């Protein structure tokens, strides 16, 4: 069995963790700015202002 040292494991985590974080951020940005999601986000931004949601008396 191959013995992996602590410094090798830390280096692997730092480099691939960075790539993973960048890829995840790009995926979130693509999802957010995808044209077909515009209606959903517009509806969500206006739903907080609907009159039907009132506090209980």
PDB file of N, CA and C in Angstrom:
ATOM      1  N   UNK A   1       0.844  -1.184   0.000  1.00  0.00           N
ATOM      2  CA  UNK A   1       0.000   0.000   0.000  1.00  0.00           C
ATOM      3  C   UNK A   1       0.885   1.241   0.000  1.00  0.00           C
ATOM      4  N   UNK A   2       0.464   2.225  -0.762  1.00  0.00           N
ATOM      5  CA  UNK A   2       1.252   3.438  -0.890  1.00  0.00           C
ATOM      6  C   UNK A   2       0.955   4.384   0.274  1.00  0.00           C
ATOM      7  N   UNK A   3       2.026   4.863   0.891  1.00  0.00           N
ATOM      8  CA  UNK A   3       1.873   5.761   2.031  1.00  0.00           C
ATOM      9  C   UNK A   3       1.923   7.206   1.547  1.00  0.00           C
ATOM     10  N   UNK A   4       0.841   7.934   1.749  1.00  0.00           N
ATOM     11  CA  UNK A   4       0.764   9.335   1.321  1.00  0.00           C
ATOM     12  C   UNK A   4       1.101  10.216   2.512  1.00  0.00           C
ATOM     13  N   UNK A   5       2.063  11.088   2.316  1.00  0.00           N
ATOM     14  CA  UNK A   5       2.480  11.977   3.388  1.00  0.00           C
ATOM     15  C   UNK A   5       1.508  13.135   3.570  1.00  0.00           C
ATOM     16  N   UNK A   6       1.610  13.755   4.716  1.00  0.00           N
ATOM     17  CA  UNK A   6       0.708  14.861   5.054  1.00  0.00           C
ATOM     18  C   UNK A   6       0.870  16.020   4.086  1.00  0.00           C
ATOM     19  N   UNK A   7       2.086  16.362   3.748  1.00  0.00           N
ATOM     20  CA  UNK A   7       2.306  17.503   2.850  1.00  0.00           C
ATOM     21  C   UNK A   7       1.765  17.225   1.444  1.00  0.00           C
ATOM     22  N   UNK A   8       1.862  15.990   0.992  1.00  0.00           N
ATOM     23  CA  UNK A   8       1.302  15.646  -0.326  1.00  0.00           C
ATOM     24  C   UNK A   8      -0.216  15.744  -0.302  1.00  0.00           C
ATOM     25  N   UNK A   9      -0.822  15.292   0.783  1.00  0.00           N
ATOM     26  CA  UNK A   9      -2.271  15.364   0.913  1.00  0.00           C
ATOM     27  C   UNK A   9      -2.753  16.809   1.004  1.00  0.00           C
ATOM     28  N   UNK A  10      -2.020  17.636   1.733  1.00  0.00           N
ATOM     29  CA  UNK A  10      -2.380  19.054   1.844  1.00  0.00           C
ATOM     30  C   UNK A  10      -2.234  19.746   0.495  1.00  0.00           C
ATOM     31  N   UNK A  11      -1.169  19.452  -0.236  1.00  0.00           N
ATOM     32  CA  UNK A  11      -0.973  20.039  -1.564  1.00  0.00           C
ATOM     33  C   UNK A  11      -2.065  19.630  -2.530  1.00  0.00           C
ATOM     34  N   UNK A  12      -2.468  18.359  -2.482  1.00  0.00           N
ATOM     35  CA  UNK A  12      -3.556  17.878  -3.329  1.00  0.00           C
ATOM     36  C   UNK A  12      -4.861  18.586  -2.978  1.00  0.00           C
ATOM     37  N   UNK A  13      -5.151  18.713  -1.689  1.00  0.00           N
ATOM     38  CA  UNK A  13      -6.390  19.356  -1.253  1.00  0.00           C
ATOM     39  C   UNK A  13      -6.416  20.833  -1.637  1.00  0.00           C
ATOM     40  N   UNK A  14      -5.295  21.491  -1.509  1.00  0.00           N
ATOM     41  CA  UNK A  14      -5.241  22.914  -1.853  1.00  0.00           C
ATOM     42  C   UNK A  14      -5.428  23.139  -3.348  1.00  0.00           C
ATOM     43  N   UNK A  15      -4.760  22.361  -4.165  1.00  0.00           N
ATOM     44  CA  UNK A  15      -4.845  22.604  -5.603  1.00  0.00           C
ATOM     45  C   UNK A  15      -6.191  22.167  -6.171  1.00  0.00           C
ATOM     46  N   UNK A  16      -6.629  20.953  -5.879  1.00  0.00           N
ATOM     47  CA  UNK A  16      -7.895  20.487  -6.443  1.00  0.00           C
ATOM     48  C   UNK A  16      -9.089  21.107  -5.733  1.00  0.00           C
ATOM     49  N   UNK A  17      -8.924  21.496  -4.486  1.00  0.00           N
ATOM     50  CA  UNK A  17      -9.992  22.215  -3.793  1.00  0.00           C
ATOM     51  C   UNK A  17     -10.243  23.568  -4.431  1.00  0.00           C
ATOM     52  N   UNK A  18      -9.170  24.213  -4.857  1.00  0.00           N
ATOM     53  CA  UNK A  18      -9.303  25.498  -5.539  1.00  0.00           C
ATOM     54  C   UNK A  18     -10.018  25.333  -6.867  1.00  0.00           C
ATOM     55  N   UNK A  19      -9.641  24.308  -7.642  1.00  0.00           N
ATOM     56  CA  UNK A  19     -10.313  24.066  -8.922  1.00  0.00           C
ATOM     57  C   UNK A  19     -11.775  23.719  -8.724  1.00  0.00           C
ATOM     58  N   UNK A  20     -12.070  22.943  -7.701  1.00  0.00           N
ATOM     59  CA  UNK A  20     -13.452  22.582  -7.386  1.00  0.00           C
ATOM     60  C   UNK A  20     -14.258  23.833  -7.035  1.00  0.00           C
ATOM     61  N   UNK A  21     -13.699  24.715  -6.216  1.00  0.00           N
ATOM     62  CA  UNK A  21     -14.398  25.939  -5.823  1.00  0.00           C
ATOM     63  C   UNK A  21     -14.638  26.850  -7.030  1.00  0.00           C
ATOM     64  N   UNK A  22     -13.667  26.979  -7.889  1.00  0.00           N
ATOM     65  CA  UNK A  22     -13.823  27.809  -9.088  1.00  0.00           C
ATOM     66  C   UNK A  22     -14.883  27.214 -10.007  1.00  0.00           C
ATOM     67  N   UNK A  23     -14.855  25.900 -10.216  1.00  0.00           N
ATOM     68  CA  UNK A  23     -15.842  25.253 -11.084  1.00  0.00           C
ATOM     69  C   UNK A  23     -17.246  25.388 -10.500  1.00  0.00           C
ATOM     70  N   UNK A  24     -17.388  25.242  -9.197  1.00  0.00           N
ATOM     71  CA  UNK A  24     -18.691  25.382  -8.558  1.00  0.00           C
ATOM     72  C   UNK A  24     -19.199  26.823  -8.686  1.00  0.00           C
ATOM     73  N   UNK A  25     -18.329  27.797  -8.527  1.00  0.00           N
ATOM     74  CA  UNK A  25     -18.721  29.203  -8.659  1.00  0.00           C
ATOM     75  C   UNK A  25     -19.169  29.515 -10.084  1.00  0.00           C
ATOM     76  N   UNK A  26     -18.462  28.987 -11.070  1.00  0.00           N
ATOM     77  CA  UNK A  26     -18.840  29.199 -12.471  1.00  0.00           C
ATOM     78  C   UNK A  26     -20.194  28.551 -12.738  1.00  0.00           C
ATOM     79  N   UNK A  27     -20.425  27.362 -12.201  1.00  0.00           N
ATOM     80  CA  UNK A  27     -21.709  26.681 -12.394  1.00  0.00           C
ATOM     81  C   UNK A  27     -22.857  27.479 -11.782  1.00  0.00           C
ATOM     82  N   UNK A  28     -22.649  28.061 -10.626  1.00  0.00           N
ATOM     83  CA  UNK A  28     -23.691  28.882  -9.989  1.00  0.00           C
ATOM     84  C   UNK A  28     -23.963  30.135 -10.814  1.00  0.00           C
ATOM     85  N   UNK A  29     -22.927  30.768 -11.317  1.00  0.00           N
ATOM     86  CA  UNK A  29     -23.115  31.963 -12.136  1.00  0.00           C
ATOM     87  C   UNK A  29     -23.834  31.642 -13.445  1.00  0.00           C
ATOM     88  N   UNK A  30     -23.492  30.519 -14.063  1.00  0.00           N
ATOM     89  CA  UNK A  30     -24.171  30.118 -15.301  1.00  0.00           C
ATOM     90  C   UNK A  30     -25.642  29.855 -15.016  1.00  0.00           C
ATOM     91  N   UNK A  31     -25.944  29.165 -13.930  1.00  0.00           N
ATOM     92  CA  UNK A  31     -27.338  28.895 -13.563  1.00  0.00           C
ATOM     93  C   UNK A  31     -28.098  30.190 -13.294  1.00  0.00           C
ATOM     94  N   UNK A  32     -27.450  31.123 -12.620  1.00  0.00           N
ATOM     95  CA  UNK A  32     -28.105  32.378 -12.267  1.00  0.00           C
ATOM     96  C   UNK A  32     -28.424  33.218 -13.490  1.00  0.00           C
ATOM     97  N   UNK A  33     -27.502  33.288 -14.436  1.00  0.00           N
ATOM     98  CA  UNK A  33     -27.696  34.151 -15.594  1.00  0.00           C
ATOM     99  C   UNK A  33     -28.228  33.417 -16.822  1.00  0.00           C
ATOM    100  N   UNK A  34     -28.649  32.175 -16.672  1.00  0.00           N
ATOM    101  CA  UNK A  34     -29.232  31.433 -17.791  1.00  0.00           C
ATOM    102  C   UNK A  34     -30.559  32.084 -18.167  1.00  0.00           C
ATOM    103  N   UNK A  35     -30.791  32.384 -19.432  1.00  0.00           N
ATOM    104  CA  UNK A  35     -31.990  33.136 -19.834  1.00  0.00           C
ATOM    105  C   UNK A  35     -33.315  32.487 -19.421  1.00  0.00           C
ATOM    106  N   UNK A  36     -33.402  31.181 -19.412  1.00  0.00           N
ATOM    107  CA  UNK A  36     -34.679  30.544 -19.071  1.00  0.00           C
ATOM    108  C   UNK A  36     -35.011  30.651 -17.586  1.00  0.00           C
ATOM    109  N   UNK A  37     -34.059  31.041 -16.737  1.00  0.00           N
ATOM    110  CA  UNK A  37     -34.323  31.194 -15.309  1.00  0.00           C
ATOM    111  C   UNK A  37     -34.780  32.600 -14.948  1.00  0.00           C
ATOM    112  N   UNK A  38     -34.810  33.516 -15.908  1.00  0.00           N
ATOM    113  CA  UNK A  38     -35.172  34.905 -15.625  1.00  0.00           C
ATOM    114  C   UNK A  38     -36.578  35.022 -15.058  1.00  0.00           C
ATOM    115  N   UNK A  39     -37.535  34.315 -15.643  1.00  0.00           N
ATOM    116  CA  UNK A  39     -38.911  34.395 -15.154  1.00  0.00           C
ATOM    117  C   UNK A  39     -39.011  33.913 -13.714  1.00  0.00           C
ATOM    118  N   UNK A  40     -38.321  32.833 -13.408  1.00  0.00           N
ATOM    119  CA  UNK A  40     -38.362  32.283 -12.053  1.00  0.00           C
ATOM    120  C   UNK A  40     -37.799  33.276 -11.033  1.00  0.00           C
ATOM    121  N   UNK A  41     -36.674  33.899 -11.351  1.00  0.00           N
ATOM    122  CA  UNK A  41     -36.067  34.838 -10.418  1.00  0.00           C
ATOM    123  C   UNK A  41     -36.874  36.125 -10.308  1.00  0.00           C
ATOM    124  N   UNK A  42     -37.472  36.581 -11.416  1.00  0.00           N
ATOM    125  CA  UNK A  42     -38.324  37.767 -11.352  1.00  0.00           C
ATOM    126  C   UNK A  42     -39.555  37.506 -10.494  1.00  0.00           C
ATOM    127  N   UNK A  43     -40.153  36.334 -10.670  1.00  0.00           N
ATOM    128  CA  UNK A  43     -41.332  35.972  -9.868  1.00  0.00           C
ATOM    129  C   UNK A  43     -40.964  35.874  -8.382  1.00  0.00           C
ATOM    130  N   UNK A  44     -39.808  35.320  -8.081  1.00  0.00           N
ATOM    131  CA  UNK A  44     -39.371  35.189  -6.690  1.00  0.00           C
ATOM    132  C   UNK A  44     -39.085  36.547  -6.071  1.00  0.00           C
ATOM    133  N   UNK A  45     -38.554  37.478  -6.861  1.00  0.00           N
ATOM    134  CA  UNK A  45     -38.250  38.796  -6.313  1.00  0.00           C
ATOM    135  C   UNK A  45     -39.514  39.609  -6.048  1.00  0.00           C
ATOM    136  N   UNK A  46     -40.573  39.335  -6.810  1.00  0.00           N
ATOM    137  CA  UNK A  46     -41.821  40.080  -6.621  1.00  0.00           C
ATOM    138  C   UNK A  46     -42.784  39.379  -5.674  1.00  0.00           C
ATOM    139  N   UNK A  47     -42.578  38.110  -5.402  1.00  0.00           N
ATOM    140  CA  UNK A  47     -43.511  37.374  -4.557  1.00  0.00           C
ATOM    141  C   UNK A  47     -43.501  37.883  -3.119  1.00  0.00           C
ATOM    142  N   UNK A  48     -42.422  38.483  -2.691  1.00  0.00           N
ATOM    143  CA  UNK A  48     -42.351  39.016  -1.330  1.00  0.00           C
ATOM    144  C   UNK A  48     -43.260  40.237  -1.189  1.00  0.00           C
ATOM    145  N   UNK A  49     -43.610  40.853  -2.321  1.00  0.00           N
ATOM    146  CA  UNK A  49     -44.416  42.061  -2.291  1.00  0.00           C
ATOM    147  C   UNK A  49     -45.913  41.796  -2.528  1.00  0.00           C
ATOM    148  N   UNK A  50     -46.309  40.544  -2.662  1.00  0.00           N
ATOM    149  CA  UNK A  50     -47.704  40.225  -2.886  1.00  0.00           C
ATOM    150  C   UNK A  50     -48.570  40.685  -1.711  1.00  0.00           C
ATOM    151  N   UNK A  51     -49.794  41.119  -2.029  1.00  0.00           N
ATOM    152  CA  UNK A  51     -50.700  41.604  -0.985  1.00  0.00           C
ATOM    153  C   UNK A  51     -51.356  40.492  -0.201  1.00  0.00           C
ATOM    154  N   UNK A  52     -51.360  39.295  -0.743  1.00  0.00           N
ATOM    155  CA  UNK A  52     -52.072  38.210  -0.089  1.00  0.00           C
ATOM    156  C   UNK A  52     -51.348  37.678   1.152  1.00  0.00           C
ATOM    157  N   UNK A  53     -50.106  38.045   1.334  1.00  0.00           N
ATOM    158  CA  UNK A  53     -49.341  37.597   2.483  1.00  0.00           C
ATOM    159  C   UNK A  53     -49.368  38.684   3.553  1.00  0.00           C
ATOM    160  N   UNK A  54     -50.247  38.513   4.528  1.00  0.00           N
ATOM    161  CA  UNK A  54     -50.412  39.514   5.584  1.00  0.00           C
ATOM    162  C   UNK A  54     -50.225  38.861   6.939  1.00  0.00           C
ATOM    163  N   UNK A  55     -49.846  39.617   7.932  1.00  0.00           N
ATOM    164  CA  UNK A  55     -49.688  39.040   9.271  1.00  0.00           C
ATOM    165  C   UNK A  55     -51.034  38.621   9.859  1.00  0.00           C
ATOM    166  N   UNK A  56     -50.992  37.671  10.733  1.00  0.00           N
ATOM    167  CA  UNK A  56     -52.211  37.208  11.394  1.00  0.00           C
ATOM    168  C   UNK A  56     -52.701  38.265  12.376  1.00  0.00           C
ATOM    169  N   UNK A  57     -54.028  38.429  12.496  1.00  0.00           N
ATOM    170  CA  UNK A  57     -54.546  39.450  13.428  1.00  0.00           C
ATOM    171  C   UNK A  57     -54.417  39.036  14.859  1.00  0.00           C
TER     172      UNK A  57
END
